[in-house]
Amino acid sequence: MNPVQILSLLLALSIALHLATAAAFTARRTGAGTAHAVLTGAGAAATALGLYFAAVAAYH
């Protein structure tokens, strides 16, 4: 992998982590339990990374 690809992957991971944290905090503030909030955040992160990897696969 070249440096641009590595930085792109790190950016995608950072964005996914921020989205997961925001989704988990939002779910927690709306009254969901901790386990449900964590699963909501994990789902948001998986969706964001899935979209990123699908875009990379379509590009190549």
PDB file of N, CA and C in Angstrom:
ATOM      1  N   MET A   1       0.851  -1.181   0.000  1.00  0.00           N
ATOM      2  CA  MET A   1       0.000   0.000   0.000  1.00  0.00           C
ATOM      3  C   MET A   1       0.893   1.240   0.000  1.00  0.00           C
ATOM      4  N   ASN A   2       0.480   2.209  -0.770  1.00  0.00           N
ATOM      5  CA  ASN A   2       1.241   3.457  -0.776  1.00  0.00           C
ATOM      6  C   ASN A   2       0.715   4.394   0.315  1.00  0.00           C
ATOM      7  N   PRO A   3       1.436   5.458   0.607  1.00  0.00           N
ATOM      8  CA  PRO A   3       1.036   6.351   1.708  1.00  0.00           C
ATOM      9  C   PRO A   3      -0.350   6.972   1.543  1.00  0.00           C
ATOM     10  N   VAL A   4      -0.743   7.252   0.323  1.00  0.00           N
ATOM     11  CA  VAL A   4      -2.073   7.848   0.112  1.00  0.00           C
ATOM     12  C   VAL A   4      -3.170   6.859   0.486  1.00  0.00           C
ATOM     13  N   GLN A   5      -2.999   5.598   0.143  1.00  0.00           N
ATOM     14  CA  GLN A   5      -3.991   4.584   0.494  1.00  0.00           C
ATOM     15  C   GLN A   5      -4.057   4.387   2.004  1.00  0.00           C
ATOM     16  N   ILE A   6      -2.925   4.413   2.666  1.00  0.00           N
ATOM     17  CA  ILE A   6      -2.901   4.248   4.125  1.00  0.00           C
ATOM     18  C   ILE A   6      -3.597   5.423   4.801  1.00  0.00           C
ATOM     19  N   LEU A   7      -3.296   6.639   4.351  1.00  0.00           N
ATOM     20  CA  LEU A   7      -3.950   7.814   4.937  1.00  0.00           C
ATOM     21  C   LEU A   7      -5.443   7.817   4.652  1.00  0.00           C
ATOM     22  N   SER A   8      -5.844   7.358   3.482  1.00  0.00           N
ATOM     23  CA  SER A   8      -7.259   7.273   3.154  1.00  0.00           C
ATOM     24  C   SER A   8      -7.979   6.279   4.066  1.00  0.00           C
ATOM     25  N   LEU A   9      -7.343   5.144   4.321  1.00  0.00           N
ATOM     26  CA  LEU A   9      -7.929   4.155   5.221  1.00  0.00           C
ATOM     27  C   LEU A   9      -8.017   4.692   6.650  1.00  0.00           C
ATOM     28  N   LEU A  10      -6.987   5.383   7.097  1.00  0.00           N
ATOM     29  CA  LEU A  10      -7.024   5.974   8.438  1.00  0.00           C
ATOM     30  C   LEU A  10      -8.114   7.036   8.549  1.00  0.00           C
ATOM     31  N   LEU A  11      -8.309   7.811   7.490  1.00  0.00           N
ATOM     32  CA  LEU A  11      -9.385   8.801   7.489  1.00  0.00           C
ATOM     33  C   LEU A  11     -10.745   8.119   7.569  1.00  0.00           C
ATOM     34  N   ALA A  12     -10.932   7.034   6.814  1.00  0.00           N
ATOM     35  CA  ALA A  12     -12.199   6.302   6.859  1.00  0.00           C
ATOM     36  C   ALA A  12     -12.446   5.717   8.248  1.00  0.00           C
ATOM     37  N   LEU A  13     -11.404   5.190   8.870  1.00  0.00           N
ATOM     38  CA  LEU A  13     -11.563   4.645  10.224  1.00  0.00           C
ATOM     39  C   LEU A  13     -11.901   5.742  11.225  1.00  0.00           C
ATOM     40  N   SER A  14     -11.268   6.895  11.077  1.00  0.00           N
ATOM     41  CA  SER A  14     -11.552   8.009  11.974  1.00  0.00           C
ATOM     42  C   SER A  14     -12.998   8.479  11.829  1.00  0.00           C
ATOM     43  N   ILE A  15     -13.452   8.601  10.605  1.00  0.00           N
ATOM     44  CA  ILE A  15     -14.835   9.028  10.376  1.00  0.00           C
ATOM     45  C   ILE A  15     -15.811   7.997  10.927  1.00  0.00           C
ATOM     46  N   ALA A  16     -15.524   6.720  10.712  1.00  0.00           N
ATOM     47  CA  ALA A  16     -16.404   5.668  11.229  1.00  0.00           C
ATOM     48  C   ALA A  16     -16.457   5.695  12.754  1.00  0.00           C
ATOM     49  N   LEU A  17     -15.320   5.934  13.388  1.00  0.00           N
ATOM     50  CA  LEU A  17     -15.294   6.016  14.847  1.00  0.00           C
ATOM     51  C   LEU A  17     -16.092   7.207  15.350  1.00  0.00           C
ATOM     52  N   HIS A  18     -15.974   8.348  14.682  1.00  0.00           N
ATOM     53  CA  HIS A  18     -16.749   9.521  15.085  1.00  0.00           C
ATOM     54  C   HIS A  18     -18.244   9.296  14.889  1.00  0.00           C
ATOM     55  N   LEU A  19     -18.621   8.676  13.787  1.00  0.00           N
ATOM     56  CA  LEU A  19     -20.038   8.375  13.563  1.00  0.00           C
ATOM     57  C   LEU A  19     -20.574   7.397  14.603  1.00  0.00           C
ATOM     58  N   ALA A  20     -19.771   6.389  14.936  1.00  0.00           N
ATOM     59  CA  ALA A  20     -20.201   5.407  15.932  1.00  0.00           C
ATOM     60  C   ALA A  20     -20.392   6.057  17.297  1.00  0.00           C
ATOM     61  N   THR A  21     -19.461   6.923  17.670  1.00  0.00           N
ATOM     62  CA  THR A  21     -19.562   7.608  18.962  1.00  0.00           C
ATOM     63  C   THR A  21     -20.797   8.501  19.001  1.00  0.00           C
ATOM     64  N   ALA A  22     -21.016   9.252  17.939  1.00  0.00           N
ATOM     65  CA  ALA A  22     -22.193  10.134  17.898  1.00  0.00           C
ATOM     66  C   ALA A  22     -23.486   9.330  17.950  1.00  0.00           C
ATOM     67  N   ALA A  23     -23.543   8.220  17.225  1.00  0.00           N
ATOM     68  CA  ALA A  23     -24.750   7.392  17.229  1.00  0.00           C
ATOM     69  C   ALA A  23     -24.982   6.768  18.603  1.00  0.00           C
ATOM     70  N   ALA A  24     -23.910   6.303  19.237  1.00  0.00           N
ATOM     71  CA  ALA A  24     -24.052   5.699  20.563  1.00  0.00           C
ATOM     72  C   ALA A  24     -24.493   6.725  21.594  1.00  0.00           C
ATOM     73  N   PHE A  25     -23.896   7.914  21.564  1.00  0.00           N
ATOM     74  CA  PHE A  25     -24.296   8.959  22.510  1.00  0.00           C
ATOM     75  C   PHE A  25     -25.738   9.394  22.276  1.00  0.00           C
ATOM     76  N   THR A  26     -26.131   9.491  21.017  1.00  0.00           N
ATOM     77  CA  THR A  26     -27.508   9.876  20.705  1.00  0.00           C
ATOM     78  C   THR A  26     -28.487   8.810  21.192  1.00  0.00           C
ATOM     79  N   ALA A  27     -28.166   7.561  20.947  1.00  0.00           N
ATOM     80  CA  ALA A  27     -29.042   6.483  21.412  1.00  0.00           C
ATOM     81  C   ALA A  27     -29.125   6.458  22.927  1.00  0.00           C
ATOM     82  N   ARG A  28     -28.006   6.686  23.579  1.00  0.00           N
ATOM     83  CA  ARG A  28     -27.981   6.671  25.050  1.00  0.00           C
ATOM     84  C   ARG A  28     -28.803   7.816  25.625  1.00  0.00           C
ATOM     85  N   ARG A  29     -28.712   8.984  24.994  1.00  0.00           N
ATOM     86  CA  ARG A  29     -29.455  10.151  25.494  1.00  0.00           C
ATOM     87  C   ARG A  29     -30.957  10.022  25.275  1.00  0.00           C
ATOM     88  N   THR A  30     -31.353   9.221  24.296  1.00  0.00           N
ATOM     89  CA  THR A  30     -32.785   9.047  24.054  1.00  0.00           C
ATOM     90  C   THR A  30     -33.405   7.981  24.937  1.00  0.00           C
ATOM     91  N   GLY A  31     -32.610   7.396  25.822  1.00  0.00           N
ATOM     92  CA  GLY A  31     -33.167   6.462  26.787  1.00  0.00           C
ATOM     93  C   GLY A  31     -32.854   5.006  26.519  1.00  0.00           C
ATOM     94  N   ALA A  32     -32.079   4.718  25.526  1.00  0.00           N
ATOM     95  CA  ALA A  32     -31.718   3.326  25.252  1.00  0.00           C
ATOM     96  C   ALA A  32     -30.713   2.849  26.296  1.00  0.00           C
ATOM     97  N   GLY A  33     -30.691   1.570  26.533  1.00  0.00           N
ATOM     98  CA  GLY A  33     -29.722   1.010  27.458  1.00  0.00           C
ATOM     99  C   GLY A  33     -28.320   1.072  26.874  1.00  0.00           C
ATOM    100  N   THR A  34     -27.350   0.827  27.736  1.00  0.00           N
ATOM    101  CA  THR A  34     -25.957   0.905  27.306  1.00  0.00           C
ATOM    102  C   THR A  34     -25.645  -0.114  26.217  1.00  0.00           C
ATOM    103  N   ALA A  35     -26.118  -1.335  26.391  1.00  0.00           N
ATOM    104  CA  ALA A  35     -25.844  -2.372  25.389  1.00  0.00           C
ATOM    105  C   ALA A  35     -26.468  -2.016  24.041  1.00  0.00           C
ATOM    106  N   HIS A  36     -27.675  -1.508  24.072  1.00  0.00           N
ATOM    107  CA  HIS A  36     -28.337  -1.121  22.826  1.00  0.00           C
ATOM    108  C   HIS A  36     -27.610   0.052  22.169  1.00  0.00           C
ATOM    109  N   ALA A  37     -27.143   0.996  22.968  1.00  0.00           N
ATOM    110  CA  ALA A  37     -26.408   2.143  22.423  1.00  0.00           C
ATOM    111  C   ALA A  37     -25.095   1.699  21.778  1.00  0.00           C
ATOM    112  N   VAL A  38     -24.408   0.747  22.409  1.00  0.00           N
ATOM    113  CA  VAL A  38     -23.154   0.236  21.836  1.00  0.00           C
ATOM    114  C   VAL A  38     -23.425  -0.480  20.518  1.00  0.00           C
ATOM    115  N   LEU A  39     -24.484  -1.282  20.475  1.00  0.00           N
ATOM    116  CA  LEU A  39     -24.832  -1.972  19.229  1.00  0.00           C
ATOM    117  C   LEU A  39     -25.241  -0.989  18.134  1.00  0.00           C
ATOM    118  N   THR A  40     -25.910   0.080  18.506  1.00  0.00           N
ATOM    119  CA  THR A  40     -26.277   1.101  17.532  1.00  0.00           C
ATOM    120  C   THR A  40     -25.029   1.768  16.967  1.00  0.00           C
ATOM    121  N   GLY A  41     -24.087   2.098  17.843  1.00  0.00           N
ATOM    122  CA  GLY A  41     -22.834   2.693  17.387  1.00  0.00           C
ATOM    123  C   GLY A  41     -22.032   1.757  16.508  1.00  0.00           C
ATOM    124  N   ALA A  42     -21.981   0.497  16.885  1.00  0.00           N
ATOM    125  CA  ALA A  42     -21.252  -0.489  16.079  1.00  0.00           C
ATOM    126  C   ALA A  42     -21.896  -0.656  14.708  1.00  0.00           C
ATOM    127  N   GLY A  43     -23.201  -0.632  14.666  1.00  0.00           N
ATOM    128  CA  GLY A  43     -23.896  -0.715  13.385  1.00  0.00           C
ATOM    129  C   GLY A  43     -23.612   0.480  12.494  1.00  0.00           C
ATOM    130  N   ALA A  44     -23.546   1.664  13.102  1.00  0.00           N
ATOM    131  CA  ALA A  44     -23.223   2.863  12.326  1.00  0.00           C
ATOM    132  C   ALA A  44     -21.800   2.796  11.781  1.00  0.00           C
ATOM    133  N   ALA A  45     -20.865   2.310  12.603  1.00  0.00           N
ATOM    134  CA  ALA A  45     -19.478   2.189  12.148  1.00  0.00           C
ATOM    135  C   ALA A  45     -19.352   1.160  11.036  1.00  0.00           C
ATOM    136  N   ALA A  46     -20.032   0.038  11.186  1.00  0.00           N
ATOM    137  CA  ALA A  46     -19.972  -1.006  10.161  1.00  0.00           C
ATOM    138  C   ALA A  46     -20.576  -0.520   8.847  1.00  0.00           C
ATOM    139  N   THR A  47     -21.647   0.243   8.931  1.00  0.00           N
ATOM    140  CA  THR A  47     -22.263   0.786   7.726  1.00  0.00           C
ATOM    141  C   THR A  47     -21.336   1.768   7.029  1.00  0.00           C
ATOM    142  N   ALA A  48     -20.707   2.654   7.806  1.00  0.00           N
ATOM    143  CA  ALA A  48     -19.791   3.636   7.216  1.00  0.00           C
ATOM    144  C   ALA A  48     -18.602   2.954   6.546  1.00  0.00           C
ATOM    145  N   LEU A  49     -18.026   1.968   7.208  1.00  0.00           N
ATOM    146  CA  LEU A  49     -16.887   1.267   6.616  1.00  0.00           C
ATOM    147  C   LEU A  49     -17.317   0.421   5.424  1.00  0.00           C
ATOM    148  N   GLY A  50     -18.503  -0.146   5.488  1.00  0.00           N
ATOM    149  CA  GLY A  50     -19.014  -0.911   4.355  1.00  0.00           C
ATOM    150  C   GLY A  50     -19.195  -0.040   3.129  1.00  0.00           C
ATOM    151  N   LEU A  51     -19.716   1.161   3.324  1.00  0.00           N
ATOM    152  CA  LEU A  51     -19.854   2.084   2.201  1.00  0.00           C
ATOM    153  C   LEU A  51     -18.498   2.485   1.642  1.00  0.00           C
ATOM    154  N   TYR A  52     -17.530   2.705   2.520  1.00  0.00           N
ATOM    155  CA  TYR A  52     -16.184   3.078   2.076  1.00  0.00           C
ATOM    156  C   TYR A  52     -15.559   1.955   1.252  1.00  0.00           C
ATOM    157  N   PHE A  53     -15.625   0.721   1.768  1.00  0.00           N
ATOM    158  CA  PHE A  53     -15.011  -0.399   1.061  1.00  0.00           C
ATOM    159  C   PHE A  53     -15.745  -0.706  -0.247  1.00  0.00           C
ATOM    160  N   ALA A  54     -17.061  -0.487  -0.280  1.00  0.00           N
ATOM    161  CA  ALA A  54     -17.804  -0.679  -1.522  1.00  0.00           C
ATOM    162  C   ALA A  54     -17.377   0.355  -2.568  1.00  0.00           C
ATOM    163  N   ALA A  55     -17.150   1.581  -2.119  1.00  0.00           N
ATOM    164  CA  ALA A  55     -16.690   2.612  -3.047  1.00  0.00           C
ATOM    165  C   ALA A  55     -15.294   2.302  -3.568  1.00  0.00           C
ATOM    166  N   VAL A  56     -14.424   1.799  -2.701  1.00  0.00           N
ATOM    167  CA  VAL A  56     -13.074   1.429  -3.132  1.00  0.00           C
ATOM    168  C   VAL A  56     -13.136   0.273  -4.122  1.00  0.00           C
ATOM    169  N   ALA A  57     -13.984  -0.706  -3.850  1.00  0.00           N
ATOM    170  CA  ALA A  57     -14.109  -1.847  -4.752  1.00  0.00           C
ATOM    171  C   ALA A  57     -14.669  -1.422  -6.109  1.00  0.00           C
ATOM    172  N   ALA A  58     -15.601  -0.488  -6.114  1.00  0.00           N
ATOM    173  CA  ALA A  58     -16.174  -0.023  -7.375  1.00  0.00           C
ATOM    174  C   ALA A  58     -15.161   0.805  -8.155  1.00  0.00           C
ATOM    175  N   TYR A  59     -14.287   1.482  -7.449  1.00  0.00           N
ATOM    176  CA  TYR A  59     -13.285   2.321  -8.102  1.00  0.00           C
ATOM    177  C   TYR A  59     -12.237   1.475  -8.808  1.00  0.00           C
ATOM    178  N   HIS A  60     -11.896   0.362  -8.226  1.00  0.00           N
ATOM    179  CA  HIS A  60     -10.856  -0.497  -8.821  1.00  0.00           C
ATOM    180  C   HIS A  60     -11.529  -1.384  -9.772  1.00  0.00           C
TER     181      HIS A  60
END
